[in-house]
Amino acid sequence: MTRRVEAEEGLLKLEKAFWRLKEALAQAKDELDRDGVIQRFELTVELCWKALKRILAYKGVECHFPRDCIKQAFRYGLIENDDLLLDMLSDRNLCAHLYDEKLAEEVYGRIKEIYVRELERLVLSLKEKL
């Protein structure tokens, strides 16, 4: 499999995960739904950095860890806001390793008010750049 095909597959997985996140967010009505949104957010962020890794590899740039791939993607012009993606990564890590009701509400609020718009811009931008 060529690196271009790998990059395209990574982007397709990210795009599907993003649309599922957006769908869950639109339908969320209660605590259980909120937790489902957070789970989909965690998956989307995971697929995001992995898609960046694959796209960077296609462009001849190697990275191996989430923070490094985000920084490299910013350096090479794939993303415009590395700080916001790093914030998403931090929130993903917090949610994945520790459950706290107050934290869940805060992260859910950021997903709803900030992250989903940024992820949509990112997915559309990466599709254009690949």
N, C-alpha and C. Protein backbone atom coordinates (compact mmCIF):
# COMPACT_ATOMS: atom_id res chain seq x y z
N MET A 1 0.84 -1.17 0.00
CA MET A 1 0.00 0.00 0.00
C MET A 1 0.89 1.24 0.00
N THR A 2 0.57 2.18 -0.84
CA THR A 2 1.39 3.39 -0.93
C THR A 2 1.07 4.33 0.22
N ARG A 3 1.98 5.24 0.48
CA ARG A 3 1.76 6.21 1.56
C ARG A 3 0.58 7.13 1.25
N ARG A 4 0.36 7.40 -0.02
CA ARG A 4 -0.80 8.23 -0.38
C ARG A 4 -2.08 7.51 -0.01
N VAL A 5 -2.18 6.24 -0.33
CA VAL A 5 -3.37 5.46 -0.01
C VAL A 5 -3.55 5.40 1.51
N GLU A 6 -2.46 5.20 2.24
CA GLU A 6 -2.53 5.19 3.70
C GLU A 6 -3.02 6.53 4.23
N ALA A 7 -2.54 7.62 3.66
CA ALA A 7 -2.97 8.96 4.08
C ALA A 7 -4.45 9.14 3.78
N GLU A 8 -4.89 8.72 2.62
CA GLU A 8 -6.30 8.84 2.26
C GLU A 8 -7.19 8.02 3.19
N GLU A 9 -6.73 6.80 3.51
CA GLU A 9 -7.49 5.94 4.43
C GLU A 9 -7.58 6.56 5.82
N GLY A 10 -6.46 7.11 6.29
CA GLY A 10 -6.46 7.76 7.60
C GLY A 10 -7.42 8.93 7.64
N LEU A 11 -7.44 9.72 6.58
CA LEU A 11 -8.34 10.86 6.51
C LEU A 11 -9.80 10.41 6.43
N LEU A 12 -10.05 9.34 5.69
CA LEU A 12 -11.42 8.82 5.59
C LEU A 12 -11.92 8.32 6.95
N LYS A 13 -11.07 7.64 7.71
CA LYS A 13 -11.45 7.18 9.05
C LYS A 13 -11.74 8.37 9.96
N LEU A 14 -10.90 9.39 9.88
CA LEU A 14 -11.11 10.59 10.68
C LEU A 14 -12.43 11.25 10.30
N GLU A 15 -12.68 11.37 9.02
CA GLU A 15 -13.91 12.01 8.56
C GLU A 15 -15.15 11.26 9.05
N LYS A 16 -15.14 9.95 8.95
CA LYS A 16 -16.28 9.15 9.42
C LYS A 16 -16.48 9.32 10.92
N ALA A 17 -15.40 9.28 11.67
CA ALA A 17 -15.49 9.45 13.12
C ALA A 17 -16.02 10.83 13.47
N PHE A 18 -15.56 11.85 12.74
CA PHE A 18 -16.03 13.20 13.01
C PHE A 18 -17.53 13.31 12.78
N TRP A 19 -18.02 12.80 11.66
CA TRP A 19 -19.46 12.92 11.37
C TRP A 19 -20.29 12.15 12.38
N ARG A 20 -19.76 11.04 12.88
CA ARG A 20 -20.47 10.29 13.94
C ARG A 20 -20.48 11.09 15.24
N LEU A 21 -19.38 11.79 15.53
CA LEU A 21 -19.33 12.66 16.70
C LEU A 21 -20.36 13.78 16.57
N LYS A 22 -20.39 14.41 15.42
CA LYS A 22 -21.33 15.51 15.19
C LYS A 22 -22.77 15.03 15.31
N GLU A 23 -23.04 13.85 14.77
CA GLU A 23 -24.37 13.25 14.86
C GLU A 23 -24.76 13.00 16.33
N ALA A 24 -23.85 12.44 17.09
CA ALA A 24 -24.12 12.16 18.51
C ALA A 24 -24.36 13.46 19.27
N LEU A 25 -23.59 14.46 18.97
CA LEU A 25 -23.73 15.76 19.64
C LEU A 25 -25.11 16.36 19.35
N ALA A 26 -25.56 16.24 18.13
CA ALA A 26 -26.87 16.80 17.75
C ALA A 26 -28.02 16.08 18.45
N GLN A 27 -27.81 14.81 18.81
CA GLN A 27 -28.88 14.02 19.40
C GLN A 27 -28.79 13.91 20.92
N ALA A 28 -27.73 14.42 21.52
CA ALA A 28 -27.50 14.26 22.96
C ALA A 28 -28.59 14.94 23.78
N LYS A 29 -29.17 14.16 24.70
CA LYS A 29 -30.26 14.67 25.53
C LYS A 29 -30.01 14.48 27.03
N ASP A 30 -29.17 13.54 27.37
CA ASP A 30 -28.99 13.24 28.80
C ASP A 30 -27.54 12.86 29.08
N GLU A 31 -27.30 12.44 30.32
CA GLU A 31 -25.95 12.09 30.76
C GLU A 31 -25.35 10.94 29.96
N LEU A 32 -26.14 9.95 29.66
CA LEU A 32 -25.66 8.82 28.88
C LEU A 32 -25.23 9.27 27.48
N ASP A 33 -26.05 10.12 26.87
CA ASP A 33 -25.69 10.67 25.55
C ASP A 33 -24.42 11.49 25.63
N ARG A 34 -24.30 12.30 26.70
CA ARG A 34 -23.10 13.11 26.88
C ARG A 34 -21.86 12.22 26.94
N ASP A 35 -21.97 11.15 27.69
CA ASP A 35 -20.83 10.23 27.80
C ASP A 35 -20.50 9.59 26.45
N GLY A 36 -21.53 9.31 25.65
CA GLY A 36 -21.30 8.78 24.31
C GLY A 36 -20.60 9.79 23.42
N VAL A 37 -20.98 11.06 23.54
CA VAL A 37 -20.32 12.12 22.78
C VAL A 37 -18.84 12.18 23.17
N ILE A 38 -18.58 12.10 24.46
CA ILE A 38 -17.18 12.16 24.91
C ILE A 38 -16.40 10.96 24.37
N GLN A 39 -16.99 9.79 24.36
CA GLN A 39 -16.32 8.60 23.80
C GLN A 39 -16.02 8.80 22.32
N ARG A 40 -16.98 9.32 21.58
CA ARG A 40 -16.75 9.58 20.16
C ARG A 40 -15.70 10.66 19.94
N PHE A 41 -15.67 11.65 20.83
CA PHE A 41 -14.64 12.68 20.78
C PHE A 41 -13.26 12.06 20.97
N GLU A 42 -13.13 11.18 21.96
CA GLU A 42 -11.85 10.52 22.22
C GLU A 42 -11.38 9.78 20.97
N LEU A 43 -12.27 9.03 20.33
CA LEU A 43 -11.92 8.29 19.12
C LEU A 43 -11.53 9.25 17.99
N THR A 44 -12.28 10.32 17.83
CA THR A 44 -12.00 11.29 16.77
C THR A 44 -10.63 11.92 16.95
N VAL A 45 -10.29 12.30 18.17
CA VAL A 45 -8.98 12.90 18.42
C VAL A 45 -7.87 11.89 18.16
N GLU A 46 -8.08 10.65 18.54
CA GLU A 46 -7.09 9.60 18.28
C GLU A 46 -6.88 9.43 16.77
N LEU A 47 -7.98 9.36 16.02
CA LEU A 47 -7.87 9.21 14.57
C LEU A 47 -7.31 10.47 13.92
N CYS A 48 -7.51 11.61 14.55
CA CYS A 48 -7.00 12.87 14.01
C CYS A 48 -5.47 12.87 13.99
N TRP A 49 -4.86 12.57 15.13
CA TRP A 49 -3.40 12.62 15.13
C TRP A 49 -2.81 11.51 14.26
N LYS A 50 -3.50 10.37 14.19
CA LYS A 50 -3.01 9.29 13.34
C LYS A 50 -3.15 9.64 11.85
N ALA A 51 -4.21 10.35 11.49
CA ALA A 51 -4.36 10.82 10.10
C ALA A 51 -3.26 11.82 9.79
N LEU A 52 -2.98 12.72 10.72
CA LEU A 52 -1.88 13.67 10.51
C LEU A 52 -0.56 12.95 10.32
N LYS A 53 -0.34 11.91 11.11
CA LYS A 53 0.89 11.11 10.99
C LYS A 53 1.01 10.51 9.59
N ARG A 54 -0.08 9.95 9.09
CA ARG A 54 -0.06 9.34 7.76
C ARG A 54 0.12 10.37 6.65
N ILE A 55 -0.54 11.51 6.78
CA ILE A 55 -0.40 12.56 5.77
C ILE A 55 1.02 13.10 5.78
N LEU A 56 1.57 13.30 6.96
CA LEU A 56 2.96 13.77 7.06
C LEU A 56 3.92 12.75 6.45
N ALA A 57 3.70 11.46 6.71
CA ALA A 57 4.56 10.42 6.14
C ALA A 57 4.50 10.46 4.61
N TYR A 58 3.30 10.67 4.08
CA TYR A 58 3.14 10.79 2.63
C TYR A 58 3.96 11.97 2.10
N LYS A 59 4.08 13.01 2.88
CA LYS A 59 4.84 14.20 2.48
C LYS A 59 6.32 14.10 2.86
N GLY A 60 6.71 12.94 3.41
CA GLY A 60 8.12 12.71 3.72
C GLY A 60 8.56 13.15 5.11
N VAL A 61 7.61 13.40 5.98
CA VAL A 61 7.92 13.85 7.34
C VAL A 61 7.50 12.76 8.32
N GLU A 62 8.44 12.32 9.15
CA GLU A 62 8.13 11.27 10.12
C GLU A 62 7.85 11.87 11.49
N CYS A 63 6.84 11.32 12.14
CA CYS A 63 6.53 11.64 13.53
C CYS A 63 5.95 10.37 14.15
N HIS A 64 6.05 10.28 15.47
CA HIS A 64 5.64 9.02 16.09
C HIS A 64 4.67 9.17 17.25
N PHE A 65 4.58 10.36 17.81
CA PHE A 65 3.75 10.57 18.99
C PHE A 65 2.74 11.67 18.71
N PRO A 66 1.60 11.64 19.38
CA PRO A 66 0.53 12.60 19.09
C PRO A 66 0.98 14.07 19.12
N ARG A 67 1.62 14.49 20.18
CA ARG A 67 2.02 15.90 20.28
C ARG A 67 3.01 16.26 19.17
N ASP A 68 3.93 15.37 18.89
CA ASP A 68 4.92 15.61 17.84
C ASP A 68 4.25 15.73 16.48
N CYS A 69 3.29 14.85 16.20
CA CYS A 69 2.59 14.90 14.91
C CYS A 69 1.79 16.19 14.76
N ILE A 70 1.18 16.64 15.83
CA ILE A 70 0.42 17.90 15.78
C ILE A 70 1.37 19.06 15.53
N LYS A 71 2.49 19.09 16.24
CA LYS A 71 3.47 20.17 16.04
C LYS A 71 4.03 20.16 14.62
N GLN A 72 4.34 18.98 14.10
CA GLN A 72 4.86 18.86 12.73
C GLN A 72 3.80 19.28 11.70
N ALA A 73 2.55 18.90 11.96
CA ALA A 73 1.47 19.28 11.04
C ALA A 73 1.32 20.80 10.99
N PHE A 74 1.49 21.45 12.12
CA PHE A 74 1.44 22.91 12.15
C PHE A 74 2.64 23.49 11.40
N ARG A 75 3.81 22.96 11.68
CA ARG A 75 5.04 23.43 11.04
C ARG A 75 4.96 23.32 9.52
N TYR A 76 4.33 22.26 9.02
CA TYR A 76 4.25 22.04 7.57
C TYR A 76 2.95 22.55 6.95
N GLY A 77 2.19 23.32 7.72
CA GLY A 77 1.01 23.99 7.17
C GLY A 77 -0.23 23.13 6.98
N LEU A 78 -0.26 21.96 7.59
CA LEU A 78 -1.46 21.12 7.47
C LEU A 78 -2.58 21.60 8.37
N ILE A 79 -2.21 22.20 9.50
CA ILE A 79 -3.20 22.71 10.43
C ILE A 79 -2.86 24.15 10.77
N GLU A 80 -3.88 24.88 11.18
CA GLU A 80 -3.69 26.30 11.49
C GLU A 80 -3.58 26.57 12.98
N ASN A 81 -4.12 25.69 13.80
CA ASN A 81 -4.18 25.97 15.23
C ASN A 81 -3.69 24.76 16.03
N ASP A 82 -2.39 24.68 16.21
CA ASP A 82 -1.84 23.54 16.95
C ASP A 82 -2.22 23.59 18.42
N ASP A 83 -2.33 24.79 18.99
CA ASP A 83 -2.68 24.89 20.41
C ASP A 83 -4.04 24.29 20.70
N LEU A 84 -5.00 24.55 19.83
CA LEU A 84 -6.34 24.00 20.05
C LEU A 84 -6.35 22.49 19.90
N LEU A 85 -5.62 21.97 18.93
CA LEU A 85 -5.52 20.51 18.80
C LEU A 85 -4.81 19.90 20.00
N LEU A 86 -3.81 20.57 20.52
CA LEU A 86 -3.13 20.08 21.72
C LEU A 86 -4.07 20.11 22.93
N ASP A 87 -4.94 21.12 23.00
CA ASP A 87 -5.96 21.16 24.06
C ASP A 87 -6.90 19.97 23.93
N MET A 88 -7.31 19.66 22.70
CA MET A 88 -8.18 18.51 22.47
C MET A 88 -7.49 17.23 22.92
N LEU A 89 -6.23 17.10 22.58
CA LEU A 89 -5.46 15.93 22.98
C LEU A 89 -5.40 15.81 24.50
N SER A 90 -5.19 16.91 25.18
CA SER A 90 -5.16 16.91 26.65
C SER A 90 -6.50 16.49 27.22
N ASP A 91 -7.59 17.04 26.67
CA ASP A 91 -8.92 16.65 27.14
C ASP A 91 -9.20 15.18 26.85
N ARG A 92 -8.79 14.71 25.70
CA ARG A 92 -8.96 13.29 25.37
C ARG A 92 -8.23 12.43 26.40
N ASN A 93 -7.01 12.81 26.73
CA ASN A 93 -6.22 12.05 27.70
C ASN A 93 -6.86 12.07 29.09
N LEU A 94 -7.37 13.22 29.49
CA LEU A 94 -8.03 13.33 30.79
C LEU A 94 -9.25 12.41 30.86
N CYS A 95 -10.06 12.45 29.83
CA CYS A 95 -11.30 11.66 29.82
C CYS A 95 -11.03 10.17 29.70
N ALA A 96 -10.01 9.83 28.97
CA ALA A 96 -9.73 8.41 28.73
C ALA A 96 -9.17 7.72 29.98
N HIS A 97 -8.56 8.49 30.88
CA HIS A 97 -7.86 7.86 32.01
C HIS A 97 -8.47 8.16 33.37
N LEU A 98 -9.47 9.02 33.41
CA LEU A 98 -10.04 9.41 34.69
C LEU A 98 -11.47 9.86 34.46
N TYR A 99 -12.40 9.35 35.25
CA TYR A 99 -13.77 9.82 35.10
C TYR A 99 -14.13 10.69 36.28
N ASP A 100 -14.58 11.88 35.97
CA ASP A 100 -15.00 12.85 36.96
C ASP A 100 -16.18 13.60 36.36
N GLU A 101 -17.29 13.63 37.08
CA GLU A 101 -18.53 14.24 36.56
C GLU A 101 -18.34 15.69 36.15
N LYS A 102 -17.68 16.47 36.98
CA LYS A 102 -17.46 17.88 36.67
C LYS A 102 -16.59 18.02 35.42
N LEU A 103 -15.54 17.23 35.35
CA LEU A 103 -14.65 17.26 34.19
C LEU A 103 -15.40 16.86 32.92
N ALA A 104 -16.25 15.84 33.03
CA ALA A 104 -17.03 15.40 31.88
C ALA A 104 -17.91 16.53 31.36
N GLU A 105 -18.55 17.27 32.25
CA GLU A 105 -19.38 18.40 31.84
C GLU A 105 -18.55 19.49 31.16
N GLU A 106 -17.37 19.78 31.73
CA GLU A 106 -16.51 20.80 31.15
C GLU A 106 -16.03 20.41 29.75
N VAL A 107 -15.58 19.17 29.61
CA VAL A 107 -15.10 18.69 28.31
C VAL A 107 -16.25 18.66 27.31
N TYR A 108 -17.41 18.19 27.74
CA TYR A 108 -18.58 18.17 26.86
C TYR A 108 -18.88 19.58 26.35
N GLY A 109 -18.82 20.55 27.23
CA GLY A 109 -19.05 21.94 26.85
C GLY A 109 -18.04 22.41 25.81
N ARG A 110 -16.78 22.06 25.99
CA ARG A 110 -15.76 22.45 25.00
C ARG A 110 -15.96 21.74 23.67
N ILE A 111 -16.36 20.47 23.73
CA ILE A 111 -16.65 19.74 22.49
C ILE A 111 -17.76 20.47 21.73
N LYS A 112 -18.82 20.78 22.43
CA LYS A 112 -20.00 21.38 21.83
C LYS A 112 -19.74 22.81 21.32
N GLU A 113 -19.03 23.60 22.11
CA GLU A 113 -18.87 25.02 21.79
C GLU A 113 -17.63 25.34 20.95
N ILE A 114 -16.60 24.51 21.04
CA ILE A 114 -15.32 24.86 20.39
C ILE A 114 -14.81 23.75 19.47
N TYR A 115 -14.64 22.57 20.03
CA TYR A 115 -13.90 21.51 19.34
C TYR A 115 -14.58 21.02 18.07
N VAL A 116 -15.90 20.85 18.09
CA VAL A 116 -16.56 20.28 16.91
C VAL A 116 -16.39 21.20 15.69
N ARG A 117 -16.44 22.51 15.90
CA ARG A 117 -16.24 23.44 14.77
C ARG A 117 -14.82 23.35 14.25
N GLU A 118 -13.85 23.27 15.16
CA GLU A 118 -12.45 23.18 14.74
C GLU A 118 -12.18 21.86 14.03
N LEU A 119 -12.74 20.78 14.52
CA LEU A 119 -12.55 19.48 13.87
C LEU A 119 -13.16 19.48 12.47
N GLU A 120 -14.31 20.11 12.31
CA GLU A 120 -14.93 20.17 10.99
C GLU A 120 -14.04 20.96 10.03
N ARG A 121 -13.55 22.11 10.49
CA ARG A 121 -12.63 22.90 9.64
C ARG A 121 -11.39 22.08 9.28
N LEU A 122 -10.88 21.36 10.25
CA LEU A 122 -9.68 20.56 10.03
C LEU A 122 -9.92 19.47 8.99
N VAL A 123 -11.00 18.74 9.13
CA VAL A 123 -11.31 17.65 8.18
C VAL A 123 -11.45 18.21 6.77
N LEU A 124 -12.21 19.28 6.63
CA LEU A 124 -12.40 19.87 5.30
C LEU A 124 -11.08 20.41 4.72
N SER A 125 -10.28 21.02 5.56
CA SER A 125 -9.00 21.55 5.11
C SER A 125 -8.04 20.44 4.69
N LEU A 126 -7.98 19.37 5.48
CA LEU A 126 -7.10 18.25 5.13
C LEU A 126 -7.52 17.59 3.82
N LYS A 127 -8.82 17.50 3.58
CA LYS A 127 -9.30 16.93 2.32
C LYS A 127 -8.81 17.77 1.14
N GLU A 128 -8.82 19.08 1.29
CA GLU A 128 -8.34 19.96 0.22
C GLU A 128 -6.84 19.83 0.03
N LYS A 129 -6.09 19.69 1.11
CA LYS A 129 -4.63 19.68 1.05
C LYS A 129 -4.05 18.34 0.59
N LEU A 130 -4.83 17.28 0.74
CA LEU A 130 -4.33 15.96 0.34
C LEU A 130 -4.63 15.77 -1.13
